[in-house]
Amino acid sequence: MLVAVDHVQLAAPPGSEDRLRAYYTGVLGMTETPKPPALAARGGCWFRAGAVHLHLGIEPDFRPARKAHPGLRVRDIDTYAAHLTARGATVSWDDTLPGHRRFYSEDPVGNRLEFLEPVTAP
C-alpha cells in the first residue's frame, strides 16, 4: 500500500551541483542531505525541508522539465514569493486552481517548480 511520497527526483546537467546547491539552499531555504557514498559517485544533490525531499540527479543528455514538476505547498505564499524574487528567482502567478493561490518558478537549470497554498475561507 502507498503511504506517502518519499521524494521527487528532478534531472540536472553534469557539473551543475554548485548552482543547484546555491538555489535549493540559498533561495528556497532547503537543507542539503548527504547522499550515500555509492550514490554520491554519480553526482547530483539531495535536499529537504521538513517532509519535502527533492533529489537532483545528473543526466548527461539533460533537458529541463518544463511541464512536469513538483507541487510544493508553502505557508504565507506572498512572503515566500517576495523571498524568492528578492533572491533573483522569477515568480509567475497562476490563478486557475480553485481553492489555492499558486505560482511557478524555475530552478537554475530550468526545471519547473510549483508553489501553492490552500485558500482558507474567511
PDB file of N, CA and C in Angstrom:
ATOM      1  N   MET A   1       0.842  -1.189   0.000  1.00  0.00           N
ATOM      2  CA  MET A   1       0.000   0.000   0.000  1.00  0.00           C
ATOM      3  C   MET A   1       0.879   1.241   0.000  1.00  0.00           C
ATOM      4  N   LEU A   2       0.484   2.224  -0.776  1.00  0.00           N
ATOM      5  CA  LEU A   2       1.191   3.501  -0.777  1.00  0.00           C
ATOM      6  C   LEU A   2       0.830   4.280   0.485  1.00  0.00           C
ATOM      7  N   VAL A   3       1.824   4.874   1.115  1.00  0.00           N
ATOM      8  CA  VAL A   3       1.559   5.633   2.332  1.00  0.00           C
ATOM      9  C   VAL A   3       2.034   7.084   2.261  1.00  0.00           C
ATOM     10  N   ALA A   4       2.981   7.378   1.372  1.00  0.00           N
ATOM     11  CA  ALA A   4       3.496   8.745   1.262  1.00  0.00           C
ATOM     12  C   ALA A   4       4.407   8.830   0.045  1.00  0.00           C
ATOM     13  N   VAL A   5       4.699  10.041  -0.365  1.00  0.00           N
ATOM     14  CA  VAL A   5       5.731  10.267  -1.371  1.00  0.00           C
ATOM     15  C   VAL A   5       7.038  10.419  -0.608  1.00  0.00           C
ATOM     16  N   ASP A   6       8.003   9.570  -0.909  1.00  0.00           N
ATOM     17  CA  ASP A   6       9.284   9.632  -0.225  1.00  0.00           C
ATOM     18  C   ASP A   6      10.120  10.804  -0.725  1.00  0.00           C
ATOM     19  N   HIS A   7      10.185  10.976  -2.049  1.00  0.00           N
ATOM     20  CA  HIS A   7      10.932  12.086  -2.637  1.00  0.00           C
ATOM     21  C   HIS A   7      10.499  12.269  -4.087  1.00  0.00           C
ATOM     22  N   VAL A   8      10.860  13.385  -4.647  1.00  0.00           N
ATOM     23  CA  VAL A   8      10.686  13.647  -6.072  1.00  0.00           C
ATOM     24  C   VAL A   8      12.081  13.868  -6.631  1.00  0.00           C
ATOM     25  N   GLN A   9      12.356  13.231  -7.774  1.00  0.00           N
ATOM     26  CA  GLN A   9      13.658  13.434  -8.404  1.00  0.00           C
ATOM     27  C   GLN A   9      13.492  14.260  -9.667  1.00  0.00           C
ATOM     28  N   LEU A  10      14.354  15.253  -9.791  1.00  0.00           N
ATOM     29  CA  LEU A  10      14.454  16.069 -10.992  1.00  0.00           C
ATOM     30  C   LEU A  10      15.828  15.826 -11.596  1.00  0.00           C
ATOM     31  N   ALA A  11      15.947  16.050 -12.882  1.00  0.00           N
ATOM     32  CA  ALA A  11      17.225  15.875 -13.555  1.00  0.00           C
ATOM     33  C   ALA A  11      17.975  17.196 -13.614  1.00  0.00           C
ATOM     34  N   ALA A  12      19.280  17.100 -13.811  1.00  0.00           N
ATOM     35  CA  ALA A  12      20.139  18.272 -13.924  1.00  0.00           C
ATOM     36  C   ALA A  12      21.331  17.907 -14.815  1.00  0.00           C
ATOM     37  N   PRO A  13      21.939  18.904 -15.443  1.00  0.00           N
ATOM     38  CA  PRO A  13      23.083  18.610 -16.315  1.00  0.00           C
ATOM     39  C   PRO A  13      24.361  18.370 -15.515  1.00  0.00           C
ATOM     40  N   PRO A  14      25.304  17.654 -16.107  1.00  0.00           N
ATOM     41  CA  PRO A  14      26.594  17.445 -15.441  1.00  0.00           C
ATOM     42  C   PRO A  14      27.237  18.786 -15.064  1.00  0.00           C
ATOM     43  N   GLY A  15      27.851  18.814 -13.890  1.00  0.00           N
ATOM     44  CA  GLY A  15      28.571  19.999 -13.441  1.00  0.00           C
ATOM     45  C   GLY A  15      27.715  21.109 -12.865  1.00  0.00           C
ATOM     46  N   SER A  16      26.433  20.860 -12.621  1.00  0.00           N
ATOM     47  CA  SER A  16      25.532  21.917 -12.135  1.00  0.00           C
ATOM     48  C   SER A  16      25.338  21.919 -10.625  1.00  0.00           C
ATOM     49  N   GLU A  17      26.014  21.037  -9.921  1.00  0.00           N
ATOM     50  CA  GLU A  17      25.768  20.880  -8.485  1.00  0.00           C
ATOM     51  C   GLU A  17      25.937  22.174  -7.692  1.00  0.00           C
ATOM     52  N   ASP A  18      26.939  22.975  -7.975  1.00  0.00           N
ATOM     53  CA  ASP A  18      27.135  24.208  -7.208  1.00  0.00           C
ATOM     54  C   ASP A  18      25.970  25.182  -7.414  1.00  0.00           C
ATOM     55  N   ARG A  19      25.480  25.297  -8.636  1.00  0.00           N
ATOM     56  CA  ARG A  19      24.316  26.165  -8.900  1.00  0.00           C
ATOM     57  C   ARG A  19      23.074  25.619  -8.201  1.00  0.00           C
ATOM     58  N   LEU A  20      22.909  24.303  -8.216  1.00  0.00           N
ATOM     59  CA  LEU A  20      21.767  23.689  -7.541  1.00  0.00           C
ATOM     60  C   LEU A  20      21.826  23.931  -6.037  1.00  0.00           C
ATOM     61  N   ARG A  21      22.999  23.756  -5.458  1.00  0.00           N
ATOM     62  CA  ARG A  21      23.150  23.998  -4.011  1.00  0.00           C
ATOM     63  C   ARG A  21      22.825  25.446  -3.665  1.00  0.00           C
ATOM     64  N   ALA A  22      23.334  26.376  -4.452  1.00  0.00           N
ATOM     65  CA  ALA A  22      23.078  27.795  -4.188  1.00  0.00           C
ATOM     66  C   ALA A  22      21.583  28.092  -4.244  1.00  0.00           C
ATOM     67  N   TYR A  23      20.885  27.510  -5.176  1.00  0.00           N
ATOM     68  CA  TYR A  23      19.452  27.777  -5.336  1.00  0.00           C
ATOM     69  C   TYR A  23      18.616  27.063  -4.268  1.00  0.00           C
ATOM     70  N   TYR A  24      18.785  25.752  -4.160  1.00  0.00           N
ATOM     71  CA  TYR A  24      17.910  24.997  -3.264  1.00  0.00           C
ATOM     72  C   TYR A  24      18.153  25.325  -1.793  1.00  0.00           C
ATOM     73  N   THR A  25      19.380  25.672  -1.418  1.00  0.00           N
ATOM     74  CA  THR A  25      19.627  26.062  -0.028  1.00  0.00           C
ATOM     75  C   THR A  25      19.503  27.572   0.141  1.00  0.00           C
ATOM     76  N   GLY A  26      20.153  28.357  -0.701  1.00  0.00           N
ATOM     77  CA  GLY A  26      20.189  29.809  -0.544  1.00  0.00           C
ATOM     78  C   GLY A  26      18.912  30.522  -0.930  1.00  0.00           C
ATOM     79  N   VAL A  27      18.214  30.028  -1.949  1.00  0.00           N
ATOM     80  CA  VAL A  27      16.985  30.686  -2.399  1.00  0.00           C
ATOM     81  C   VAL A  27      15.758  30.029  -1.774  1.00  0.00           C
ATOM     82  N   LEU A  28      15.629  28.718  -1.925  1.00  0.00           N
ATOM     83  CA  LEU A  28      14.441  28.035  -1.397  1.00  0.00           C
ATOM     84  C   LEU A  28      14.508  27.790   0.105  1.00  0.00           C
ATOM     85  N   GLY A  29      15.705  27.807   0.696  1.00  0.00           N
ATOM     86  CA  GLY A  29      15.828  27.602   2.133  1.00  0.00           C
ATOM     87  C   GLY A  29      15.818  26.149   2.566  1.00  0.00           C
ATOM     88  N   MET A  30      16.125  25.238   1.642  1.00  0.00           N
ATOM     89  CA  MET A  30      16.181  23.822   1.978  1.00  0.00           C
ATOM     90  C   MET A  30      17.558  23.490   2.572  1.00  0.00           C
ATOM     91  N   THR A  31      17.698  22.288   3.098  1.00  0.00           N
ATOM     92  CA  THR A  31      18.950  21.801   3.649  1.00  0.00           C
ATOM     93  C   THR A  31      19.454  20.676   2.758  1.00  0.00           C
ATOM     94  N   GLU A  32      20.744  20.700   2.449  1.00  0.00           N
ATOM     95  CA  GLU A  32      21.290  19.599   1.664  1.00  0.00           C
ATOM     96  C   GLU A  32      21.435  18.366   2.545  1.00  0.00           C
ATOM     97  N   THR A  33      21.039  17.227   2.010  1.00  0.00           N
ATOM     98  CA  THR A  33      21.142  15.942   2.686  1.00  0.00           C
ATOM     99  C   THR A  33      22.259  15.140   2.028  1.00  0.00           C
ATOM    100  N   PRO A  34      23.219  14.641   2.785  1.00  0.00           N
ATOM    101  CA  PRO A  34      24.297  13.854   2.171  1.00  0.00           C
ATOM    102  C   PRO A  34      23.738  12.615   1.464  1.00  0.00           C
ATOM    103  N   LYS A  35      24.271  12.344   0.285  1.00  0.00           N
ATOM    104  CA  LYS A  35      23.902  11.128  -0.438  1.00  0.00           C
ATOM    105  C   LYS A  35      24.762   9.967   0.071  1.00  0.00           C
ATOM    106  N   PRO A  36      24.230   8.766   0.062  1.00  0.00           N
ATOM    107  CA  PRO A  36      25.064   7.610   0.403  1.00  0.00           C
ATOM    108  C   PRO A  36      26.265   7.548  -0.556  1.00  0.00           C
ATOM    109  N   PRO A  37      27.440   7.114  -0.066  1.00  0.00           N
ATOM    110  CA  PRO A  37      28.649   7.126  -0.896  1.00  0.00           C
ATOM    111  C   PRO A  37      28.484   6.482  -2.277  1.00  0.00           C
ATOM    112  N   ALA A  38      27.814   5.359  -2.362  1.00  0.00           N
ATOM    113  CA  ALA A  38      27.650   4.692  -3.663  1.00  0.00           C
ATOM    114  C   ALA A  38      26.854   5.549  -4.638  1.00  0.00           C
ATOM    115  N   LEU A  39      25.920   6.336  -4.122  1.00  0.00           N
ATOM    116  CA  LEU A  39      25.111   7.208  -4.982  1.00  0.00           C
ATOM    117  C   LEU A  39      25.800   8.549  -5.215  1.00  0.00           C
ATOM    118  N   ALA A  40      26.578   9.011  -4.256  1.00  0.00           N
ATOM    119  CA  ALA A  40      27.285  10.292  -4.398  1.00  0.00           C
ATOM    120  C   ALA A  40      28.240  10.259  -5.583  1.00  0.00           C
ATOM    121  N   ALA A  41      28.788   9.091  -5.888  1.00  0.00           N
ATOM    122  CA  ALA A  41      29.722   8.966  -7.009  1.00  0.00           C
ATOM    123  C   ALA A  41      29.059   9.308  -8.343  1.00  0.00           C
ATOM    124  N   ARG A  42      27.739   9.273  -8.405  1.00  0.00           N
ATOM    125  CA  ARG A  42      27.008   9.588  -9.632  1.00  0.00           C
ATOM    126  C   ARG A  42      26.791  11.087  -9.820  1.00  0.00           C
ATOM    127  N   GLY A  43      27.124  11.876  -8.805  1.00  0.00           N
ATOM    128  CA  GLY A  43      26.873  13.310  -8.856  1.00  0.00           C
ATOM    129  C   GLY A  43      25.464  13.618  -8.390  1.00  0.00           C
ATOM    130  N   GLY A  44      25.082  14.880  -8.526  1.00  0.00           N
ATOM    131  CA  GLY A  44      23.754  15.296  -8.094  1.00  0.00           C
ATOM    132  C   GLY A  44      23.730  15.717  -6.638  1.00  0.00           C
ATOM    133  N   CYS A  45      22.559  16.108  -6.170  1.00  0.00           N
ATOM    134  CA  CYS A  45      22.382  16.615  -4.806  1.00  0.00           C
ATOM    135  C   CYS A  45      20.999  16.226  -4.301  1.00  0.00           C
ATOM    136  N   TRP A  46      20.891  16.065  -2.998  1.00  0.00           N
ATOM    137  CA  TRP A  46      19.613  15.823  -2.344  1.00  0.00           C
ATOM    138  C   TRP A  46      19.345  16.972  -1.380  1.00  0.00           C
ATOM    139  N   PHE A  47      18.067  17.386  -1.298  1.00  0.00           N
ATOM    140  CA  PHE A  47      17.672  18.487  -0.425  1.00  0.00           C
ATOM    141  C   PHE A  47      16.389  18.120   0.311  1.00  0.00           C
ATOM    142  N   ARG A  48      16.211  18.779   1.462  1.00  0.00           N
ATOM    143  CA  ARG A  48      14.963  18.564   2.218  1.00  0.00           C
ATOM    144  C   ARG A  48      14.568  19.835   2.948  1.00  0.00           C
ATOM    145  N   ALA A  49      13.286  19.925   3.228  1.00  0.00           N
ATOM    146  CA  ALA A  49      12.712  20.960   4.097  1.00  0.00           C
ATOM    147  C   ALA A  49      11.519  20.296   4.759  1.00  0.00           C
ATOM    148  N   GLY A  50      11.644  19.963   6.025  1.00  0.00           N
ATOM    149  CA  GLY A  50      10.584  19.221   6.704  1.00  0.00           C
ATOM    150  C   GLY A  50      10.383  17.884   6.014  1.00  0.00           C
ATOM    151  N   ALA A  51       9.139  17.584   5.639  1.00  0.00           N
ATOM    152  CA  ALA A  51       8.817  16.310   4.983  1.00  0.00           C
ATOM    153  C   ALA A  51       9.054  16.350   3.474  1.00  0.00           C
ATOM    154  N   VAL A  52       9.463  17.483   2.935  1.00  0.00           N
ATOM    155  CA  VAL A  52       9.688  17.631   1.494  1.00  0.00           C
ATOM    156  C   VAL A  52      11.122  17.207   1.169  1.00  0.00           C
ATOM    157  N   HIS A  53      11.263  16.243   0.264  1.00  0.00           N
ATOM    158  CA  HIS A  53      12.573  15.754  -0.159  1.00  0.00           C
ATOM    159  C   HIS A  53      12.656  15.860  -1.681  1.00  0.00           C
ATOM    160  N   LEU A  54      13.658  16.576  -2.169  1.00  0.00           N
ATOM    161  CA  LEU A  54      13.907  16.693  -3.603  1.00  0.00           C
ATOM    162  C   LEU A  54      15.300  16.160  -3.900  1.00  0.00           C
ATOM    163  N   HIS A  55      15.381  15.314  -4.904  1.00  0.00           N
ATOM    164  CA  HIS A  55      16.662  14.773  -5.352  1.00  0.00           C
ATOM    165  C   HIS A  55      16.928  15.317  -6.746  1.00  0.00           C
ATOM    166  N   LEU A  56      18.136  15.796  -6.971  1.00  0.00           N
ATOM    167  CA  LEU A  56      18.551  16.266  -8.288  1.00  0.00           C
ATOM    168  C   LEU A  56      19.600  15.296  -8.793  1.00  0.00           C
ATOM    169  N   GLY A  57      19.246  14.566  -9.841  1.00  0.00           N
ATOM    170  CA  GLY A  57      20.146  13.566 -10.397  1.00  0.00           C
ATOM    171  C   GLY A  57      20.758  14.060 -11.700  1.00  0.00           C
ATOM    172  N   ILE A  58      21.999  13.704 -11.914  1.00  0.00           N
ATOM    173  CA  ILE A  58      22.714  14.127 -13.112  1.00  0.00           C
ATOM    174  C   ILE A  58      22.296  13.267 -14.300  1.00  0.00           C
ATOM    175  N   GLU A  59      21.988  13.943 -15.386  1.00  0.00           N
ATOM    176  CA  GLU A  59      21.572  13.278 -16.615  1.00  0.00           C
ATOM    177  C   GLU A  59      22.400  13.844 -17.765  1.00  0.00           C
ATOM    178  N   PRO A  60      23.255  13.039 -18.375  1.00  0.00           N
ATOM    179  CA  PRO A  60      24.155  13.546 -19.420  1.00  0.00           C
ATOM    180  C   PRO A  60      23.445  14.269 -20.573  1.00  0.00           C
ATOM    181  N   ASP A  61      22.310  13.770 -21.013  1.00  0.00           N
ATOM    182  CA  ASP A  61      21.586  14.437 -22.109  1.00  0.00           C
ATOM    183  C   ASP A  61      20.390  15.222 -21.549  1.00  0.00           C
ATOM    184  N   PHE A  62      20.649  15.952 -20.489  1.00  0.00           N
ATOM    185  CA  PHE A  62      19.640  16.695 -19.737  1.00  0.00           C
ATOM    186  C   PHE A  62      18.789  17.623 -20.600  1.00  0.00           C
ATOM    187  N   ARG A  63      17.492  17.605 -20.320  1.00  0.00           N
ATOM    188  CA  ARG A  63      16.545  18.604 -20.815  1.00  0.00           C
ATOM    189  C   ARG A  63      15.672  18.987 -19.622  1.00  0.00           C
ATOM    190  N   PRO A  64      15.498  20.277 -19.347  1.00  0.00           N
ATOM    191  CA  PRO A  64      14.715  20.665 -18.165  1.00  0.00           C
ATOM    192  C   PRO A  64      13.253  20.235 -18.279  1.00  0.00           C
ATOM    193  N   ALA A  65      12.663  19.956 -17.126  1.00  0.00           N
ATOM    194  CA  ALA A  65      11.238  19.626 -17.060  1.00  0.00           C
ATOM    195  C   ALA A  65      10.453  20.933 -17.140  1.00  0.00           C
ATOM    196  N   ARG A  66       9.803  21.183 -18.249  1.00  0.00           N
ATOM    197  CA  ARG A  66       9.047  22.415 -18.452  1.00  0.00           C
ATOM    198  C   ARG A  66       7.581  22.262 -18.068  1.00  0.00           C
ATOM    199  N   LYS A  67       7.035  21.053 -18.173  1.00  0.00           N
ATOM    200  CA  LYS A  67       5.647  20.808 -17.813  1.00  0.00           C
ATOM    201  C   LYS A  67       5.569  19.974 -16.532  1.00  0.00           C
ATOM    202  N   ALA A  68       6.278  18.846 -16.496  1.00  0.00           N
ATOM    203  CA  ALA A  68       6.305  18.020 -15.295  1.00  0.00           C
ATOM    204  C   ALA A  68       6.985  18.822 -14.186  1.00  0.00           C
ATOM    205  N   HIS A  69       6.476  18.695 -12.959  1.00  0.00           N
ATOM    206  CA  HIS A  69       7.036  19.490 -11.869  1.00  0.00           C
ATOM    207  C   HIS A  69       6.542  18.979 -10.522  1.00  0.00           C
ATOM    208  N   PRO A  70       7.312  19.248  -9.465  1.00  0.00           N
ATOM    209  CA  PRO A  70       6.775  19.008  -8.126  1.00  0.00           C
ATOM    210  C   PRO A  70       5.892  20.184  -7.722  1.00  0.00           C
ATOM    211  N   GLY A  71       4.829  19.894  -7.008  1.00  0.00           N
ATOM    212  CA  GLY A  71       3.986  20.927  -6.413  1.00  0.00           C
ATOM    213  C   GLY A  71       4.354  21.025  -4.948  1.00  0.00           C
ATOM    214  N   LEU A  72       4.903  22.148  -4.547  1.00  0.00           N
ATOM    215  CA  LEU A  72       5.406  22.324  -3.186  1.00  0.00           C
ATOM    216  C   LEU A  72       4.478  23.245  -2.400  1.00  0.00           C
ATOM    217  N   ARG A  73       3.883  22.711  -1.355  1.00  0.00           N
ATOM    218  CA  ARG A  73       2.969  23.506  -0.531  1.00  0.00           C
ATOM    219  C   ARG A  73       3.781  24.410   0.386  1.00  0.00           C
ATOM    220  N   VAL A  74       3.376  25.672   0.450  1.00  0.00           N
ATOM    221  CA  VAL A  74       4.074  26.654   1.275  1.00  0.00           C
ATOM    222  C   VAL A  74       3.102  27.315   2.243  1.00  0.00           C
ATOM    223  N   ARG A  75       3.638  27.969   3.235  1.00  0.00           N
ATOM    224  CA  ARG A  75       2.876  28.757   4.186  1.00  0.00           C
ATOM    225  C   ARG A  75       3.218  30.218   3.919  1.00  0.00           C
ATOM    226  N   ASP A  76       2.221  31.102   3.920  1.00  0.00           N
ATOM    227  CA  ASP A  76       2.411  32.536   3.678  1.00  0.00           C
ATOM    228  C   ASP A  76       3.034  32.762   2.305  1.00  0.00           C
ATOM    229  N   ILE A  77       2.268  32.409   1.283  1.00  0.00           N
ATOM    230  CA  ILE A  77       2.765  32.377  -0.090  1.00  0.00           C
ATOM    231  C   ILE A  77       3.253  33.738  -0.596  1.00  0.00           C
ATOM    232  N   ASP A  78       2.614  34.820  -0.160  1.00  0.00           N
ATOM    233  CA  ASP A  78       3.064  36.144  -0.615  1.00  0.00           C
ATOM    234  C   ASP A  78       4.474  36.454  -0.103  1.00  0.00           C
ATOM    235  N   THR A  79       4.715  36.145   1.162  1.00  0.00           N
ATOM    236  CA  THR A  79       6.042  36.369   1.730  1.00  0.00           C
ATOM    237  C   THR A  79       7.070  35.476   1.059  1.00  0.00           C
ATOM    238  N   TYR A  80       6.691  34.227   0.791  1.00  0.00           N
ATOM    239  CA  TYR A  80       7.629  33.303   0.141  1.00  0.00           C
ATOM    240  C   TYR A  80       7.946  33.758  -1.281  1.00  0.00           C
ATOM    241  N   ALA A  81       6.930  34.231  -2.010  1.00  0.00           N
ATOM    242  CA  ALA A  81       7.161  34.748  -3.368  1.00  0.00           C
ATOM    243  C   ALA A  81       8.098  35.950  -3.325  1.00  0.00           C
ATOM    244  N   ALA A  82       7.905  36.841  -2.365  1.00  0.00           N
ATOM    245  CA  ALA A  82       8.782  38.008  -2.226  1.00  0.00           C
ATOM    246  C   ALA A  82      10.205  37.560  -1.883  1.00  0.00           C
ATOM    247  N   HIS A  83      10.335  36.548  -1.048  1.00  0.00           N
ATOM    248  CA  HIS A  83      11.639  35.986  -0.679  1.00  0.00           C
ATOM    249  C   HIS A  83      12.363  35.481  -1.925  1.00  0.00           C
ATOM    250  N   LEU A  84      11.668  34.728  -2.776  1.00  0.00           N
ATOM    251  CA  LEU A  84      12.284  34.208  -3.998  1.00  0.00           C
ATOM    252  C   LEU A  84      12.666  35.338  -4.949  1.00  0.00           C
ATOM    253  N   THR A  85      11.767  36.285  -5.129  1.00  0.00           N
ATOM    254  CA  THR A  85      12.019  37.404  -6.029  1.00  0.00           C
ATOM    255  C   THR A  85      13.221  38.214  -5.569  1.00  0.00           C
ATOM    256  N   ALA A  86      13.328  38.453  -4.268  1.00  0.00           N
ATOM    257  CA  ALA A  86      14.454  39.215  -3.722  1.00  0.00           C
ATOM    258  C   ALA A  86      15.789  38.506  -3.952  1.00  0.00           C
ATOM    259  N   ARG A  87      15.743  37.203  -4.176  1.00  0.00           N
ATOM    260  CA  ARG A  87      16.961  36.433  -4.419  1.00  0.00           C
ATOM    261  C   ARG A  87      17.158  36.119  -5.898  1.00  0.00           C
ATOM    262  N   GLY A  88      16.412  36.827  -6.746  1.00  0.00           N
ATOM    263  CA  GLY A  88      16.617  36.731  -8.188  1.00  0.00           C
ATOM    264  C   GLY A  88      15.808  35.682  -8.915  1.00  0.00           C
ATOM    265  N   ALA A  89      14.927  34.972  -8.224  1.00  0.00           N
ATOM    266  CA  ALA A  89      14.102  33.960  -8.880  1.00  0.00           C
ATOM    267  C   ALA A  89      12.889  34.621  -9.542  1.00  0.00           C
ATOM    268  N   THR A  90      12.466  34.067 -10.655  1.00  0.00           N
ATOM    269  CA  THR A  90      11.271  34.536 -11.348  1.00  0.00           C
ATOM    270  C   THR A  90      10.045  33.892 -10.720  1.00  0.00           C
ATOM    271  N   VAL A  91       9.000  34.667 -10.514  1.00  0.00           N
ATOM    272  CA  VAL A  91       7.744  34.180  -9.955  1.00  0.00           C
ATOM    273  C   VAL A  91       6.635  34.519 -10.951  1.00  0.00           C
ATOM    274  N   SER A  92       5.901  33.482 -11.398  1.00  0.00           N
ATOM    275  CA  SER A  92       4.784  33.663 -12.333  1.00  0.00           C
ATOM    276  C   SER A  92       3.509  33.151 -11.671  1.00  0.00           C
ATOM    277  N   TRP A  93       2.648  34.082 -11.277  1.00  0.00           N
ATOM    278  CA  TRP A  93       1.408  33.724 -10.589  1.00  0.00           C
ATOM    279  C   TRP A  93       0.425  33.077 -11.552  1.00  0.00           C
ATOM    280  N   ASP A  94      -0.381  32.154 -11.021  1.00  0.00           N
ATOM    281  CA  ASP A  94      -1.408  31.460 -11.798  1.00  0.00           C
ATOM    282  C   ASP A  94      -2.635  31.313 -10.900  1.00  0.00           C
ATOM    283  N   ASP A  95      -3.757  31.831 -11.349  1.00  0.00           N
ATOM    284  CA  ASP A  95      -4.971  31.813 -10.517  1.00  0.00           C
ATOM    285  C   ASP A  95      -6.019  30.822 -11.020  1.00  0.00           C
ATOM    286  N   THR A  96      -5.601  29.769 -11.718  1.00  0.00           N
ATOM    287  CA  THR A  96      -6.570  28.856 -12.328  1.00  0.00           C
ATOM    288  C   THR A  96      -6.894  27.615 -11.502  1.00  0.00           C
ATOM    289  N   LEU A  97      -6.286  27.441 -10.333  1.00  0.00           N
ATOM    290  CA  LEU A  97      -6.580  26.285  -9.496  1.00  0.00           C
ATOM    291  C   LEU A  97      -7.519  26.710  -8.375  1.00  0.00           C
ATOM    292  N   PRO A  98      -8.788  26.304  -8.442  1.00  0.00           N
ATOM    293  CA  PRO A  98      -9.749  26.708  -7.415  1.00  0.00           C
ATOM    294  C   PRO A  98      -9.287  26.311  -6.010  1.00  0.00           C
ATOM    295  N   GLY A  99      -9.500  27.217  -5.069  1.00  0.00           N
ATOM    296  CA  GLY A  99      -9.190  26.946  -3.671  1.00  0.00           C
ATOM    297  C   GLY A  99      -7.727  27.088  -3.304  1.00  0.00           C
ATOM    298  N   HIS A 100      -6.906  27.586  -4.238  1.00  0.00           N
ATOM    299  CA  HIS A 100      -5.476  27.726  -3.978  1.00  0.00           C
ATOM    300  C   HIS A 100      -4.935  29.018  -4.574  1.00  0.00           C
ATOM    301  N   ARG A 101      -3.885  29.501  -3.968  1.00  0.00           N
ATOM    302  CA  ARG A 101      -3.043  30.539  -4.586  1.00  0.00           C
ATOM    303  C   ARG A 101      -1.777  29.821  -4.965  1.00  0.00           C
ATOM    304  N   ARG A 102      -1.265  30.139  -6.155  1.00  0.00           N
ATOM    305  CA  ARG A 102      -0.047  29.450  -6.575  1.00  0.00           C
ATOM    306  C   ARG A 102       0.752  30.275  -7.560  1.00  0.00           C
ATOM    307  N   PHE A 103       2.040  29.914  -7.634  1.00  0.00           N
ATOM    308  CA  PHE A 103       2.909  30.494  -8.645  1.00  0.00           C
ATOM    309  C   PHE A 103       3.908  29.433  -9.086  1.00  0.00           C
ATOM    310  N   TYR A 104       4.514  29.709 -10.231  1.00  0.00           N
ATOM    311  CA  TYR A 104       5.556  28.842 -10.777  1.00  0.00           C
ATOM    312  C   TYR A 104       6.873  29.589 -10.772  1.00  0.00           C
ATOM    313  N   SER A 105       7.944  28.828 -10.689  1.00  0.00           N
ATOM    314  CA  SER A 105       9.282  29.367 -10.809  1.00  0.00           C
ATOM    315  C   SER A 105      10.131  28.291 -11.464  1.00  0.00           C
ATOM    316  N   GLU A 106      11.397  28.594 -11.703  1.00  0.00           N
ATOM    317  CA  GLU A 106      12.314  27.620 -12.290  1.00  0.00           C
ATOM    318  C   GLU A 106      13.595  27.579 -11.474  1.00  0.00           C
ATOM    319  N   ASP A 107      14.170  26.391 -11.377  1.00  0.00           N
ATOM    320  CA  ASP A 107      15.468  26.288 -10.728  1.00  0.00           C
ATOM    321  C   ASP A 107      16.546  26.758 -11.711  1.00  0.00           C
ATOM    322  N   PRO A 108      17.806  26.820 -11.313  1.00  0.00           N
ATOM    323  CA  PRO A 108      18.832  27.406 -12.185  1.00  0.00           C
ATOM    324  C   PRO A 108      19.132  26.602 -13.450  1.00  0.00           C
ATOM    325  N   VAL A 109      18.619  25.378 -13.554  1.00  0.00           N
ATOM    326  CA  VAL A 109      18.823  24.600 -14.780  1.00  0.00           C
ATOM    327  C   VAL A 109      17.550  24.507 -15.612  1.00  0.00           C
ATOM    328  N   GLY A 110      16.503  25.242 -15.201  1.00  0.00           N
ATOM    329  CA  GLY A 110      15.283  25.334 -15.998  1.00  0.00           C
ATOM    330  C   GLY A 110      14.152  24.406 -15.619  1.00  0.00           C
ATOM    331  N   ASN A 111      14.278  23.632 -14.550  1.00  0.00           N
ATOM    332  CA  ASN A 111      13.177  22.769 -14.111  1.00  0.00           C
ATOM    333  C   ASN A 111      12.051  23.613 -13.523  1.00  0.00           C
ATOM    334  N   ARG A 112      10.824  23.294 -13.899  1.00  0.00           N
ATOM    335  CA  ARG A 112       9.643  23.995 -13.403  1.00  0.00           C
ATOM    336  C   ARG A 112       9.331  23.544 -11.978  1.00  0.00           C
ATOM    337  N   LEU A 113       8.989  24.502 -11.119  1.00  0.00           N
ATOM    338  CA  LEU A 113       8.579  24.238  -9.743  1.00  0.00           C
ATOM    339  C   LEU A 113       7.280  24.987  -9.480  1.00  0.00           C
ATOM    340  N   GLU A 114       6.328  24.324  -8.851  1.00  0.00           N
ATOM    341  CA  GLU A 114       5.057  24.959  -8.477  1.00  0.00           C
ATOM    342  C   GLU A 114       5.027  25.129  -6.969  1.00  0.00           C
ATOM    343  N   PHE A 115       4.596  26.310  -6.516  1.00  0.00           N
ATOM    344  CA  PHE A 115       4.452  26.617  -5.099  1.00  0.00           C
ATOM    345  C   PHE A 115       2.995  26.981  -4.878  1.00  0.00           C
ATOM    346  N   LEU A 116       2.333  26.334  -3.918  1.00  0.00           N
ATOM    347  CA  LEU A 116       0.920  26.603  -3.721  1.00  0.00           C
ATOM    348  C   LEU A 116       0.539  26.582  -2.251  1.00  0.00           C
ATOM    349  N   GLU A 117      -0.569  27.291  -1.983  1.00  0.00           N
ATOM    350  CA  GLU A 117      -1.107  27.368  -0.628  1.00  0.00           C
ATOM    351  C   GLU A 117      -2.616  27.353  -0.735  1.00  0.00           C
ATOM    352  N   PRO A 118      -3.280  26.453   0.019  1.00  0.00           N
ATOM    353  CA  PRO A 118      -4.743  26.450   0.002  1.00  0.00           C
ATOM    354  C   PRO A 118      -5.278  27.778   0.547  1.00  0.00           C
ATOM    355  N   VAL A 119      -6.376  28.217  -0.023  1.00  0.00           N
ATOM    356  CA  VAL A 119      -7.040  29.430   0.446  1.00  0.00           C
ATOM    357  C   VAL A 119      -8.006  29.024   1.557  1.00  0.00           C
ATOM    358  N   THR A 120      -7.895  29.687   2.693  1.00  0.00           N
ATOM    359  CA  THR A 120      -8.804  29.408   3.782  1.00  0.00           C
ATOM    360  C   THR A 120     -10.009  30.333   3.673  1.00  0.00           C
ATOM    361  N   ALA A 121     -11.173  29.799   3.954  1.00  0.00           N
ATOM    362  CA  ALA A 121     -12.396  30.606   3.875  1.00  0.00           C
ATOM    363  C   ALA A 121     -12.386  31.673   4.977  1.00  0.00           C
ATOM    364  N   PRO A 122     -12.866  32.879   4.666  1.00  0.00           N
ATOM    365  CA  PRO A 122     -12.880  33.933   5.683  1.00  0.00           C
ATOM    366  C   PRO A 122     -13.841  33.658   6.814  1.00  0.00           C
TER     367      PRO A 122
END
